């Protein structure tokens, strides 16, 4: 993973994580709209989505933006990403083993997601050993130095923010913005 030197005070991370509670009031209804622009916009807050570039599920530009944010109408996982997250998404989409993160990045998924493995970025379905987790409305955080995330929990069942895909180039923090926003289908089957 390519890393760029970056000063990141620990209190800044705590401030970002503390923003999750007020954002919960902005989370939209979980039924996504039929209109792809409305679906993309439902992932974020109006202060971002009003001027964001909007993409459909295939990556076609539906509306040019002017604020550096991109919102996507991905079925089951609409999202709004800043420029750092767009770099991350490119690596994820191409199953790359290097992500160039040069600063703190934020992403909004206020409609939640249909679920992914908490430990295997490219898993396509839940299994008893891949910690499949579906998260309701949440924001995500990436940092240029994953060591800054040391000490944060990796278990979504702990409640609150947790690190997803630790020890991979795609490591990031998941920040649920609603109580009870996490579901794990195999949780009850573990020894």
C-alpha atoms as a PDB file:
ATOM      1  CA  UNK A   1       0.000   0.000   0.000  1.00  0.00           C
ATOM      2  CA  UNK A   2       1.371   3.373  -0.953  1.00  0.00           C
ATOM      3  CA  UNK A   3       1.272   5.816   1.941  1.00  0.00           C
ATOM      4  CA  UNK A   4       1.948   9.508   2.008  1.00  0.00           C
ATOM      5  CA  UNK A   5       3.268  11.208   5.144  1.00  0.00           C
ATOM      6  CA  UNK A   6       0.395  12.990   6.829  1.00  0.00           C
ATOM      7  CA  UNK A   7      -0.109  14.624  10.208  1.00  0.00           C
ATOM      8  CA  UNK A   8      -3.300  13.332  11.755  1.00  0.00           C
ATOM      9  CA  UNK A   9      -3.939  14.254  15.390  1.00  0.00           C
ATOM     10  CA  UNK A  10      -5.770  11.544  17.388  1.00  0.00           C
ATOM     11  CA  UNK A  11      -8.401  14.047  18.516  1.00  0.00           C
ATOM     12  CA  UNK A  12      -9.339  14.677  14.857  1.00  0.00           C
ATOM     13  CA  UNK A  13     -10.282  11.011  14.433  1.00  0.00           C
ATOM     14  CA  UNK A  14     -12.396  11.204  17.582  1.00  0.00           C
ATOM     15  CA  UNK A  15     -14.145  14.320  16.263  1.00  0.00           C
ATOM     16  CA  UNK A  16     -14.994  12.579  12.971  1.00  0.00           C
ATOM     17  CA  UNK A  17     -16.259   9.496  14.791  1.00  0.00           C
ATOM     18  CA  UNK A  18     -18.375  11.743  17.005  1.00  0.00           C
ATOM     19  CA  UNK A  19     -20.207  13.107  13.955  1.00  0.00           C
ATOM     20  CA  UNK A  20     -22.033   9.796  13.490  1.00  0.00           C
ATOM     21  CA  UNK A  21     -24.787  10.532  16.018  1.00  0.00           C
ATOM     22  CA  UNK A  22     -26.062  13.791  14.444  1.00  0.00           C
ATOM     23  CA  UNK A  23     -26.005  12.243  10.975  1.00  0.00           C
ATOM     24  CA  UNK A  24     -28.420   9.507  12.062  1.00  0.00           C
ATOM     25  CA  UNK A  25     -31.192  12.089  11.953  1.00  0.00           C
ATOM     26  CA  UNK A  26     -30.482  12.551   8.226  1.00  0.00           C
ATOM     27  CA  UNK A  27     -30.619   8.863   7.286  1.00  0.00           C
ATOM     28  CA  UNK A  28     -33.261   8.320   4.643  1.00  0.00           C
ATOM     29  CA  UNK A  29     -35.987   5.666   4.541  1.00  0.00           C
ATOM     30  CA  UNK A  30     -34.530   2.269   3.675  1.00  0.00           C
ATOM     31  CA  UNK A  31     -36.715   1.872   0.571  1.00  0.00           C
ATOM     32  CA  UNK A  32     -34.558   3.220  -2.256  1.00  0.00           C
ATOM     33  CA  UNK A  33     -36.207   5.476  -4.819  1.00  0.00           C
ATOM     34  CA  UNK A  34     -36.755   4.241  -8.398  1.00  0.00           C
ATOM     35  CA  UNK A  35     -35.102   7.322  -9.905  1.00  0.00           C
ATOM     36  CA  UNK A  36     -31.297   6.734 -10.134  1.00  0.00           C
ATOM     37  CA  UNK A  37     -30.499  10.387  -9.341  1.00  0.00           C
ATOM     38  CA  UNK A  38     -32.726  10.291  -6.259  1.00  0.00           C
ATOM     39  CA  UNK A  39     -31.225   6.922  -5.263  1.00  0.00           C
ATOM     40  CA  UNK A  40     -27.686   8.301  -5.509  1.00  0.00           C
ATOM     41  CA  UNK A  41     -28.652  11.444  -3.604  1.00  0.00           C
ATOM     42  CA  UNK A  42     -30.314   9.370  -0.854  1.00  0.00           C
ATOM     43  CA  UNK A  43     -26.876   8.084   0.171  1.00  0.00           C
ATOM     44  CA  UNK A  44     -25.611  11.430   1.455  1.00  0.00           C
ATOM     45  CA  UNK A  45     -26.526  14.720   3.030  1.00  0.00           C
ATOM     46  CA  UNK A  46     -27.937  17.568   0.909  1.00  0.00           C
ATOM     47  CA  UNK A  47     -24.922  19.783   1.560  1.00  0.00           C
ATOM     48  CA  UNK A  48     -22.927  17.234  -0.440  1.00  0.00           C
ATOM     49  CA  UNK A  49     -25.430  15.683  -2.830  1.00  0.00           C
ATOM     50  CA  UNK A  50     -26.813  18.966  -4.205  1.00  0.00           C
ATOM     51  CA  UNK A  51     -23.542  19.696  -6.025  1.00  0.00           C
ATOM     52  CA  UNK A  52     -22.125  16.170  -6.412  1.00  0.00           C
ATOM     53  CA  UNK A  53     -21.487  14.299  -9.648  1.00  0.00           C
ATOM     54  CA  UNK A  54     -24.166  11.606  -9.983  1.00  0.00           C
ATOM     55  CA  UNK A  55     -23.422   8.213 -11.562  1.00  0.00           C
ATOM     56  CA  UNK A  56     -25.842   5.419 -12.402  1.00  0.00           C
ATOM     57  CA  UNK A  57     -25.138   1.799 -11.462  1.00  0.00           C
ATOM     58  CA  UNK A  58     -23.014   1.308 -14.602  1.00  0.00           C
ATOM     59  CA  UNK A  59     -20.869   4.375 -13.914  1.00  0.00           C
ATOM     60  CA  UNK A  60     -22.495   6.633 -16.508  1.00  0.00           C
ATOM     61  CA  UNK A  61     -22.573  10.313 -15.540  1.00  0.00           C
ATOM     62  CA  UNK A  62     -26.156  11.444 -14.998  1.00  0.00           C
ATOM     63  CA  UNK A  63     -25.209  14.868 -13.689  1.00  0.00           C
ATOM     64  CA  UNK A  64     -21.892  16.710 -13.551  1.00  0.00           C
ATOM     65  CA  UNK A  65     -21.006  18.041 -10.127  1.00  0.00           C
ATOM     66  CA  UNK A  66     -18.798  20.826  -8.905  1.00  0.00           C
ATOM     67  CA  UNK A  67     -17.863  19.987  -5.304  1.00  0.00           C
ATOM     68  CA  UNK A  68     -15.486  17.007  -5.702  1.00  0.00           C
ATOM     69  CA  UNK A  69     -18.011  14.452  -4.425  1.00  0.00           C
ATOM     70  CA  UNK A  70     -19.464  11.571  -6.454  1.00  0.00           C
ATOM     71  CA  UNK A  71     -22.732   9.855  -5.565  1.00  0.00           C
ATOM     72  CA  UNK A  72     -23.606   6.522  -7.142  1.00  0.00           C
ATOM     73  CA  UNK A  73     -26.934   4.809  -7.631  1.00  0.00           C
ATOM     74  CA  UNK A  74     -25.598   1.351  -6.774  1.00  0.00           C
ATOM     75  CA  UNK A  75     -28.585  -0.950  -6.041  1.00  0.00           C
ATOM     76  CA  UNK A  76     -28.379  -2.200  -2.466  1.00  0.00           C
ATOM     77  CA  UNK A  77     -25.517   0.175  -1.669  1.00  0.00           C
ATOM     78  CA  UNK A  78     -25.943   3.753  -2.912  1.00  0.00           C
ATOM     79  CA  UNK A  79     -23.004   5.871  -1.801  1.00  0.00           C
ATOM     80  CA  UNK A  80     -21.472   9.333  -1.874  1.00  0.00           C
ATOM     81  CA  UNK A  81     -17.672   9.419  -1.992  1.00  0.00           C
ATOM     82  CA  UNK A  82     -15.070  12.149  -1.723  1.00  0.00           C
ATOM     83  CA  UNK A  83     -11.959  12.128  -3.934  1.00  0.00           C
ATOM     84  CA  UNK A  84      -9.975   9.883  -1.550  1.00  0.00           C
ATOM     85  CA  UNK A  85     -12.762   7.312  -1.643  1.00  0.00           C
ATOM     86  CA  UNK A  86     -12.935   7.431  -5.439  1.00  0.00           C
ATOM     87  CA  UNK A  87      -9.293   6.298  -5.484  1.00  0.00           C
ATOM     88  CA  UNK A  88     -10.217   3.568  -3.016  1.00  0.00           C
ATOM     89  CA  UNK A  89     -13.207   2.513  -5.142  1.00  0.00           C
ATOM     90  CA  UNK A  90     -11.012   2.191  -8.222  1.00  0.00           C
ATOM     91  CA  UNK A  91      -8.701  -0.201  -6.347  1.00  0.00           C
ATOM     92  CA  UNK A  92     -11.692  -2.150  -5.014  1.00  0.00           C
ATOM     93  CA  UNK A  93     -13.412  -2.407  -8.397  1.00  0.00           C
ATOM     94  CA  UNK A  94     -10.190  -3.673  -9.978  1.00  0.00           C
ATOM     95  CA  UNK A  95      -9.354  -5.907  -7.004  1.00  0.00           C
ATOM     96  CA  UNK A  96      -6.107  -4.001  -6.703  1.00  0.00           C
ATOM     97  CA  UNK A  97      -3.552  -4.602  -4.004  1.00  0.00           C
ATOM     98  CA  UNK A  98      -2.566  -0.936  -3.685  1.00  0.00           C
ATOM     99  CA  UNK A  99      -4.649   2.090  -2.761  1.00  0.00           C
ATOM    100  CA  UNK A 100      -3.245   5.587  -2.862  1.00  0.00           C
ATOM    101  CA  UNK A 101      -4.772   7.474   0.036  1.00  0.00           C
ATOM    102  CA  UNK A 102      -3.144  10.862   0.553  1.00  0.00           C
ATOM    103  CA  UNK A 103      -5.530  12.320   3.131  1.00  0.00           C
ATOM    104  CA  UNK A 104      -8.512  11.579   5.298  1.00  0.00           C
ATOM    105  CA  UNK A 105     -11.493  10.482   3.217  1.00  0.00           C
ATOM    106  CA  UNK A 106     -15.210  10.276   3.986  1.00  0.00           C
ATOM    107  CA  UNK A 107     -18.003   8.336   2.340  1.00  0.00           C
ATOM    108  CA  UNK A 108     -21.709   8.308   3.110  1.00  0.00           C
ATOM    109  CA  UNK A 109     -24.020   5.317   2.790  1.00  0.00           C
ATOM    110  CA  UNK A 110     -27.140   6.612   4.505  1.00  0.00           C
ATOM    111  CA  UNK A 111     -29.285   3.903   2.880  1.00  0.00           C
ATOM    112  CA  UNK A 112     -26.989   1.216   4.324  1.00  0.00           C
ATOM    113  CA  UNK A 113     -25.843  -1.791   2.345  1.00  0.00           C
ATOM    114  CA  UNK A 114     -26.969  -5.326   1.511  1.00  0.00           C
ATOM    115  CA  UNK A 115     -23.931  -6.846   3.220  1.00  0.00           C
ATOM    116  CA  UNK A 116     -20.292  -7.740   2.686  1.00  0.00           C
ATOM    117  CA  UNK A 117     -17.696  -9.867   4.409  1.00  0.00           C
ATOM    118  CA  UNK A 118     -16.008  -7.991   7.234  1.00  0.00           C
ATOM    119  CA  UNK A 119     -12.699  -9.773   6.559  1.00  0.00           C
ATOM    120  CA  UNK A 120     -12.600 -10.741   2.856  1.00  0.00           C
ATOM    121  CA  UNK A 121     -13.111  -7.712   0.561  1.00  0.00           C
ATOM    122  CA  UNK A 122     -14.068  -9.739  -2.499  1.00  0.00           C
ATOM    123  CA  UNK A 123     -16.374 -12.345  -0.929  1.00  0.00           C
ATOM    124  CA  UNK A 124     -19.675 -12.524  -2.803  1.00  0.00           C
ATOM    125  CA  UNK A 125     -21.945 -14.244  -0.280  1.00  0.00           C
ATOM    126  CA  UNK A 126     -22.179 -14.999   3.430  1.00  0.00           C
ATOM    127  CA  UNK A 127     -20.426 -18.058   4.828  1.00  0.00           C
ATOM    128  CA  UNK A 128     -20.021 -19.213   8.426  1.00  0.00           C
ATOM    129  CA  UNK A 129     -16.409 -17.985   8.509  1.00  0.00           C
ATOM    130  CA  UNK A 130     -16.331 -14.698   6.561  1.00  0.00           C
ATOM    131  CA  UNK A 131     -18.098 -12.449   9.099  1.00  0.00           C
ATOM    132  CA  UNK A 132     -20.798 -11.305   6.684  1.00  0.00           C
ATOM    133  CA  UNK A 133     -22.233  -8.039   7.919  1.00  0.00           C
ATOM    134  CA  UNK A 134     -25.067  -5.858   6.643  1.00  0.00           C
ATOM    135  CA  UNK A 135     -24.847  -2.325   7.957  1.00  0.00           C
ATOM    136  CA  UNK A 136     -27.693   0.146   8.055  1.00  0.00           C
ATOM    137  CA  UNK A 137     -27.045   3.860   7.544  1.00  0.00           C
ATOM    138  CA  UNK A 138     -23.348   4.605   8.024  1.00  0.00           C
ATOM    139  CA  UNK A 139     -20.403   6.749   7.086  1.00  0.00           C
ATOM    140  CA  UNK A 140     -16.942   5.433   6.307  1.00  0.00           C
ATOM    141  CA  UNK A 141     -13.501   6.834   6.968  1.00  0.00           C
ATOM    142  CA  UNK A 142     -10.141   6.122   5.328  1.00  0.00           C
ATOM    143  CA  UNK A 143      -6.764   7.460   6.404  1.00  0.00           C
ATOM    144  CA  UNK A 144      -3.384   7.526   4.656  1.00  0.00           C
ATOM    145  CA  UNK A 145      -1.695   5.465   7.388  1.00  0.00           C
ATOM    146  CA  UNK A 146      -3.681   2.416   8.564  1.00  0.00           C
ATOM    147  CA  UNK A 147      -1.584   2.380  11.753  1.00  0.00           C
ATOM    148  CA  UNK A 148      -3.783   5.308  12.826  1.00  0.00           C
ATOM    149  CA  UNK A 149      -6.618   2.784  13.142  1.00  0.00           C
ATOM    150  CA  UNK A 150      -4.753   0.560  15.596  1.00  0.00           C
ATOM    151  CA  UNK A 151      -6.740   0.213  18.769  1.00  0.00           C
ATOM    152  CA  UNK A 152     -10.137   0.491  17.099  1.00  0.00           C
ATOM    153  CA  UNK A 153     -12.271  -2.662  17.272  1.00  0.00           C
ATOM    154  CA  UNK A 154     -12.655  -4.927  14.241  1.00  0.00           C
ATOM    155  CA  UNK A 155     -15.764  -6.685  15.531  1.00  0.00           C
ATOM    156  CA  UNK A 156     -18.997  -5.070  14.305  1.00  0.00           C
ATOM    157  CA  UNK A 157     -20.845  -6.612  17.255  1.00  0.00           C
ATOM    158  CA  UNK A 158     -18.982  -4.325  19.683  1.00  0.00           C
ATOM    159  CA  UNK A 159     -21.280  -1.452  18.799  1.00  0.00           C
ATOM    160  CA  UNK A 160     -20.112   1.814  17.323  1.00  0.00           C
ATOM    161  CA  UNK A 161     -17.286   2.321  14.809  1.00  0.00           C
ATOM    162  CA  UNK A 162     -15.189  -0.651  13.740  1.00  0.00           C
ATOM    163  CA  UNK A 163     -12.373  -1.358  11.309  1.00  0.00           C
ATOM    164  CA  UNK A 164     -13.318  -3.355   8.213  1.00  0.00           C
ATOM    165  CA  UNK A 165     -10.829  -5.312   6.077  1.00  0.00           C
ATOM    166  CA  UNK A 166      -7.952  -4.813   8.502  1.00  0.00           C
ATOM    167  CA  UNK A 167      -4.554  -5.901   7.153  1.00  0.00           C
ATOM    168  CA  UNK A 168      -5.676  -5.320   3.550  1.00  0.00           C
ATOM    169  CA  UNK A 169      -5.032  -2.289   1.322  1.00  0.00           C
ATOM    170  CA  UNK A 170      -8.794  -1.582   1.501  1.00  0.00           C
ATOM    171  CA  UNK A 171      -8.897  -1.090   5.290  1.00  0.00           C
ATOM    172  CA  UNK A 172     -11.374   1.536   6.490  1.00  0.00           C
ATOM    173  CA  UNK A 173     -13.575   2.480   9.430  1.00  0.00           C
ATOM    174  CA  UNK A 174     -17.299   1.766   9.385  1.00  0.00           C
ATOM    175  CA  UNK A 175     -19.319   4.212  11.488  1.00  0.00           C
ATOM    176  CA  UNK A 176     -22.965   3.151  11.981  1.00  0.00           C
ATOM    177  CA  UNK A 177     -25.233   6.149  12.529  1.00  0.00           C
ATOM    178  CA  UNK A 178     -28.214   4.297  13.990  1.00  0.00           C
ATOM    179  CA  UNK A 179     -28.488   1.974  16.956  1.00  0.00           C
ATOM    180  CA  UNK A 180     -28.999  -1.619  15.842  1.00  0.00           C
ATOM    181  CA  UNK A 181     -27.779  -0.858  12.327  1.00  0.00           C
ATOM    182  CA  UNK A 182     -25.682  -4.038  12.025  1.00  0.00           C
ATOM    183  CA  UNK A 183     -26.879  -7.512  11.061  1.00  0.00           C
ATOM    184  CA  UNK A 184     -24.729 -10.649  10.925  1.00  0.00           C
ATOM    185  CA  UNK A 185     -26.544 -13.753   9.591  1.00  0.00           C
ATOM    186  CA  UNK A 186     -24.115 -16.307  11.022  1.00  0.00           C
ATOM    187  CA  UNK A 187     -23.624 -14.695  14.445  1.00  0.00           C
ATOM    188  CA  UNK A 188     -25.911 -17.132  16.257  1.00  0.00           C
ATOM    189  CA  UNK A 189     -24.224 -20.153  14.644  1.00  0.00           C
ATOM    190  CA  UNK A 190     -20.733 -19.449  15.992  1.00  0.00           C
ATOM    191  CA  UNK A 191     -19.371 -21.670  18.770  1.00  0.00           C
END
